[in-house]
Amino acid sequence: MRLKDKVIIVTGSTTGIGKAIAVRSVAEGAKVVVHGLEADWADQVVEELGKDRSVSLVGDLAQESTATRLVELAIERFGKLDAVVNNAAIVAASNLESTDTDFMEKILRVNTIAPFLLIKAALPYLEKSSGCVLNIGSVNAWSGEPNLLAYSISKGGLMTMTRNLGDVLFREHGVKINQINPGWVLTETEIERKKEHGLSDTWYENLPAMYAPARRIILPKEIAAAAVFWLSDESGPVSGQVMELEQYPMIGRNAPKDTSTIQ
């Protein structure tokens, strides 16, 4: 097993990509600290993973104490910490007109500052285990959709932090930091978000090639499969890198022939 006996904190792991990473990590031999905002969802995930392999903490990452509590729980329950996955994020629509200071600060607090605080809190223990950090960003970090302004800015900041700390912390503490930037992923939240935008209940079943050349979008378990590489020893001394996981190149993509819209 590729993550045998590693202890991993995964934020935002009661649904979507985070849950898929937690599930795959345990399948690969790890023990996981599950995190989310809903106690019943967290309990369900722990029940699924097994109480001997997982423990949960419910807490708002906007509160600075949550990062410390996550690290303390990992040490108290499992005795060490090998990796942190900063996955939790607020995905909320906004543009220049609708984004005020309070909203921008709210998004940055969870999507960018919270990962920074968790890295700081975890660093002494990650240094002991020669551990690693995996940040889950977004292809929107490169510029973003017009209606995802604050979210895109927050992911751009996260990507810069990965590049910066990926050098500093590996050089000075032996802790690697890398990032995955997923494209469009079929999470439970995304399914509901698009339905709220007026799309049908089955909008994701046959997408136009303009948006998804495979006629489907990426599954959370496919992101989790890539995450295992970065969390395992297989990634070697690689640090400060960002991997895009999307169906087409973000820069230099040929104009798609299919210009139909999602129905």
Protein backbone atom coordinates (compact mmCIF):
# COMPACT_ATOMS: atom_id res chain seq x y z
CA MET A 1 0.00 0.00 0.00
CA ARG A 2 1.39 3.34 -1.08
CA LEU A 3 0.45 5.34 2.06
CA LYS A 4 0.91 2.61 4.65
CA ASP A 5 0.75 3.99 8.21
CA LYS A 6 0.91 7.64 7.12
CA VAL A 7 -1.26 10.08 9.09
CA ILE A 8 -2.96 12.67 6.91
CA ILE A 9 -5.20 15.66 7.63
CA VAL A 10 -7.67 16.32 4.80
CA THR A 11 -9.71 19.51 5.13
CA GLY A 12 -13.14 19.66 3.56
CA SER A 13 -13.28 15.87 3.45
CA THR A 14 -16.95 15.17 4.14
CA THR A 15 -17.88 15.54 0.45
CA GLY A 16 -16.43 15.85 -3.03
CA ILE A 17 -12.71 15.83 -3.76
CA GLY A 18 -11.75 15.89 -0.09
CA LYS A 19 -13.85 12.85 0.74
CA ALA A 20 -12.48 11.01 -2.30
CA ILE A 21 -8.92 11.74 -1.13
CA ALA A 22 -9.74 10.54 2.38
CA VAL A 23 -11.30 7.33 1.06
CA ARG A 24 -8.41 6.61 -1.30
CA SER A 25 -5.83 7.43 1.39
CA VAL A 26 -7.32 4.91 3.80
CA ALA A 27 -7.51 2.33 1.01
CA GLU A 28 -3.78 2.92 0.51
CA GLY A 29 -3.04 2.27 4.19
CA ALA A 30 -3.22 5.76 5.73
CA LYS A 31 -4.99 7.05 8.81
CA VAL A 32 -6.99 10.21 8.20
CA VAL A 33 -8.27 13.20 10.13
CA VAL A 34 -11.57 14.05 8.46
CA HIS A 35 -12.74 17.65 8.55
CA GLY A 36 -15.92 19.46 7.62
CA LEU A 37 -18.68 21.76 8.80
CA GLU A 38 -21.49 19.22 9.22
CA ALA A 39 -21.21 16.80 12.15
CA ASP A 40 -23.53 14.20 10.64
CA TRP A 41 -21.60 14.12 7.36
CA ALA A 42 -18.31 13.81 9.24
CA ASP A 43 -19.70 10.93 11.30
CA GLN A 44 -20.83 9.16 8.12
CA VAL A 45 -17.37 9.42 6.57
CA VAL A 46 -15.67 8.09 9.71
CA GLU A 47 -18.15 5.21 9.80
CA GLU A 48 -17.31 4.45 6.17
CA LEU A 49 -13.56 4.66 6.66
CA GLY A 50 -13.48 2.86 10.00
CA LYS A 51 -12.97 4.34 13.45
CA ASP A 52 -9.60 2.64 13.75
CA ARG A 53 -8.38 4.44 10.61
CA SER A 54 -10.06 7.83 10.92
CA VAL A 55 -11.25 10.53 13.28
CA SER A 56 -13.20 13.70 12.55
CA LEU A 57 -13.19 17.33 13.59
CA VAL A 58 -16.00 19.76 12.82
CA GLY A 59 -14.82 23.34 12.64
CA ASP A 60 -14.85 26.54 10.63
CA LEU A 61 -11.48 27.18 9.00
CA ALA A 62 -12.21 30.89 9.15
CA GLN A 63 -11.43 30.53 12.85
CA GLU A 64 -7.66 30.41 13.43
CA SER A 65 -8.03 27.87 16.23
CA THR A 66 -9.37 25.23 13.85
CA ALA A 67 -5.94 24.68 12.29
CA THR A 68 -4.39 24.08 15.70
CA ARG A 69 -7.22 21.77 16.72
CA LEU A 70 -6.77 19.64 13.59
CA VAL A 71 -3.07 19.16 14.26
CA GLU A 72 -3.62 18.45 17.95
CA LEU A 73 -6.26 15.83 17.10
CA ALA A 74 -3.93 14.06 14.67
CA ILE A 75 -1.17 13.86 17.28
CA GLU A 76 -3.51 12.90 20.11
CA ARG A 77 -5.28 10.16 18.12
CA PHE A 78 -2.47 8.77 15.95
CA GLY A 79 0.76 10.04 17.52
CA LYS A 80 2.26 11.73 14.48
CA LEU A 81 1.52 13.68 11.30
CA ASP A 82 2.86 12.88 7.83
CA ALA A 83 0.82 15.03 5.47
CA VAL A 84 -1.71 17.83 5.17
CA VAL A 85 -4.17 18.18 2.30
CA ASN A 86 -5.54 21.71 2.09
CA ASN A 87 -8.72 20.98 0.16
CA ALA A 88 -11.51 22.95 1.85
CA ALA A 89 -12.68 26.02 -0.05
CA ILE A 90 -15.64 28.30 -0.55
CA VAL A 91 -16.78 28.31 -4.19
CA ALA A 92 -19.03 31.32 -4.61
CA ALA A 93 -19.96 33.40 -7.62
CA SER A 94 -18.83 37.02 -7.68
CA ASN A 95 -17.64 39.70 -10.09
CA LEU A 96 -16.17 43.18 -9.79
CA GLU A 97 -19.54 44.76 -9.07
CA SER A 98 -20.75 42.19 -6.55
CA THR A 99 -17.50 41.67 -4.63
CA ASP A 100 -17.17 43.94 -1.62
CA THR A 101 -14.47 43.95 1.05
CA ASP A 102 -16.32 41.65 3.44
CA PHE A 103 -16.97 39.06 0.77
CA MET A 104 -13.39 39.13 -0.49
CA GLU A 105 -12.03 38.73 3.04
CA LYS A 106 -14.40 35.82 3.69
CA ILE A 107 -13.19 33.94 0.60
CA LEU A 108 -9.52 34.65 1.23
CA ARG A 109 -9.84 33.67 4.88
CA VAL A 110 -10.93 30.12 4.07
CA ASN A 111 -9.33 29.51 0.67
CA THR A 112 -5.89 31.07 1.19
CA ILE A 113 -5.21 32.11 4.78
CA ALA A 114 -6.53 28.91 6.39
CA PRO A 115 -4.15 26.69 4.38
CA PHE A 116 -1.30 28.98 5.42
CA LEU A 117 -2.28 28.68 9.09
CA LEU A 118 -2.59 24.90 8.89
CA ILE A 119 0.84 24.61 7.32
CA LYS A 120 2.30 26.72 10.14
CA ALA A 121 0.57 24.66 12.81
CA ALA A 122 1.59 21.36 11.23
CA LEU A 123 5.18 22.24 10.34
CA PRO A 124 6.93 21.03 13.55
CA TYR A 125 5.35 17.60 13.16
CA LEU A 126 5.79 17.42 9.39
CA GLU A 127 9.47 18.22 9.89
CA LYS A 128 9.82 15.26 12.25
CA SER A 129 8.28 12.88 9.72
CA SER A 130 9.86 14.46 6.59
CA GLY A 131 6.28 14.97 5.55
CA CYS A 132 4.48 16.91 2.87
CA VAL A 133 1.65 19.29 2.06
CA LEU A 134 -0.70 18.97 -0.89
CA ASN A 135 -2.74 22.04 -1.74
CA ILE A 136 -5.87 21.58 -3.85
CA GLY A 137 -6.18 24.65 -6.03
CA SER A 138 -8.04 25.25 -9.28
CA VAL A 139 -7.29 25.98 -12.91
CA ASN A 140 -9.07 29.27 -12.15
CA ALA A 141 -5.85 30.31 -10.40
CA TRP A 142 -4.48 31.32 -13.80
CA SER A 143 -7.17 33.93 -14.48
CA GLY A 144 -10.58 32.54 -13.64
CA GLU A 145 -14.10 32.76 -14.93
CA PRO A 146 -15.70 36.22 -15.03
CA ASN A 147 -18.21 35.24 -12.34
CA LEU A 148 -15.64 33.64 -10.02
CA LEU A 149 -13.50 36.68 -9.29
CA ALA A 150 -12.87 36.34 -5.54
CA TYR A 151 -12.53 32.55 -5.75
CA SER A 152 -10.02 32.82 -8.61
CA ILE A 153 -7.95 35.41 -6.72
CA SER A 154 -7.88 33.15 -3.67
CA LYS A 155 -6.65 30.19 -5.70
CA GLY A 156 -4.02 32.35 -7.40
CA GLY A 157 -2.73 33.27 -3.96
CA LEU A 158 -2.68 29.62 -2.93
CA MET A 159 -0.65 28.72 -6.01
CA THR A 160 1.94 31.41 -5.30
CA MET A 161 2.16 30.19 -1.71
CA THR A 162 2.81 26.64 -2.94
CA ARG A 163 5.62 27.82 -5.21
CA ASN A 164 7.18 29.98 -2.50
CA LEU A 165 6.97 27.56 0.42
CA GLY A 166 7.77 24.59 -1.79
CA ASP A 167 11.32 25.89 -1.98
CA VAL A 168 11.73 27.45 1.47
CA LEU A 169 10.25 24.68 3.60
CA PHE A 170 11.89 21.84 1.71
CA ARG A 171 15.27 23.52 1.81
CA GLU A 172 15.08 24.48 5.49
CA HIS A 173 12.78 21.82 7.03
CA GLY A 174 12.66 18.90 4.60
CA VAL A 175 8.91 19.35 4.07
CA LYS A 176 7.63 19.17 0.49
CA ILE A 177 4.71 21.26 -0.75
CA ASN A 178 2.97 20.68 -4.07
CA GLN A 179 -0.39 21.53 -5.59
CA ILE A 180 -3.05 20.03 -7.82
CA ASN A 181 -5.17 22.42 -9.88
CA PRO A 182 -8.31 20.51 -10.87
CA GLY A 183 -10.45 21.57 -13.76
CA TRP A 184 -14.18 20.90 -13.83
CA VAL A 185 -15.00 18.14 -11.33
CA LEU A 186 -18.32 16.38 -10.76
CA THR A 187 -18.73 16.90 -7.04
CA GLU A 188 -22.06 16.83 -5.22
CA THR A 189 -21.78 20.58 -4.74
CA GLU A 190 -21.16 21.21 -8.44
CA ILE A 191 -24.17 19.10 -9.44
CA GLU A 192 -26.43 21.15 -7.19
CA ARG A 193 -24.80 24.47 -8.14
CA LYS A 194 -25.53 23.96 -11.82
CA LYS A 195 -29.10 22.87 -11.09
CA GLU A 196 -29.55 26.11 -9.15
CA HIS A 197 -28.37 27.91 -12.29
CA GLY A 198 -31.31 26.42 -14.17
CA LEU A 199 -29.74 23.33 -15.74
CA SER A 200 -31.53 19.99 -15.83
CA ASP A 201 -31.09 17.23 -13.26
CA THR A 202 -28.99 15.30 -15.79
CA TRP A 203 -26.93 18.21 -17.14
CA TYR A 204 -23.64 16.32 -16.65
CA GLU A 205 -24.54 13.17 -18.61
CA ASN A 206 -23.70 14.35 -22.15
CA LEU A 207 -21.75 17.59 -22.15
CA PRO A 208 -20.78 19.44 -25.34
CA ALA A 209 -17.20 18.85 -26.46
CA MET A 210 -16.60 22.60 -26.12
CA TYR A 211 -16.69 22.20 -22.35
CA ALA A 212 -15.60 18.57 -21.99
CA PRO A 213 -13.88 16.78 -24.90
CA ALA A 214 -14.59 13.45 -23.16
CA ARG A 215 -18.29 14.40 -22.99
CA ARG A 216 -18.05 14.11 -19.22
CA ILE A 217 -16.16 15.96 -16.53
CA ILE A 218 -13.56 14.70 -14.08
CA LEU A 219 -14.63 12.53 -11.14
CA PRO A 220 -13.45 13.20 -7.57
CA LYS A 221 -11.87 9.74 -7.41
CA GLU A 222 -9.70 10.65 -10.40
CA ILE A 223 -8.32 13.67 -8.54
CA ALA A 224 -7.77 11.42 -5.51
CA ALA A 225 -5.76 8.98 -7.61
CA ALA A 226 -3.37 11.80 -8.53
CA ALA A 227 -3.24 13.00 -4.92
CA VAL A 228 -1.86 9.64 -3.79
CA PHE A 229 1.27 10.17 -5.90
CA TRP A 230 2.04 13.49 -4.20
CA LEU A 231 1.27 12.13 -0.72
CA SER A 232 3.37 9.01 -1.19
CA ASP A 233 7.14 8.58 -1.23
CA GLU A 234 6.88 7.97 -4.98
CA SER A 235 7.05 11.71 -5.66
CA GLY A 236 10.62 11.71 -4.36
CA PRO A 237 12.24 15.11 -3.74
CA VAL A 238 9.83 17.03 -5.98
CA SER A 239 8.55 20.21 -4.30
CA GLY A 240 6.99 23.54 -5.23
CA GLN A 241 5.22 22.11 -8.28
CA VAL A 242 1.70 22.66 -9.59
CA MET A 243 -0.08 19.97 -11.62
CA GLU A 244 -3.08 20.85 -13.79
CA LEU A 245 -5.73 18.13 -14.05
CA GLU A 246 -8.02 19.13 -16.88
CA GLN A 247 -9.08 17.70 -20.24
CA TYR A 248 -7.38 20.36 -22.32
CA PRO A 249 -4.41 22.72 -22.01
CA MET A 250 -5.21 25.92 -20.19
CA ILE A 251 -2.85 27.90 -22.41
CA GLY A 252 -2.87 27.54 -26.18
CA ARG A 253 -6.02 25.47 -26.48
CA ASN A 254 -7.34 25.16 -30.04
CA ALA A 255 -10.72 26.77 -30.59
CA PRO A 256 -13.34 24.03 -30.09
CA LYS A 257 -15.50 23.12 -33.09
CA ASP A 258 -18.54 22.38 -30.97
CA THR A 259 -19.98 25.71 -29.88
CA SER A 260 -23.24 24.39 -28.50
CA THR A 261 -24.16 25.25 -24.94
CA ILE A 262 -25.00 23.11 -21.95
CA GLN A 263 -28.73 22.41 -21.82
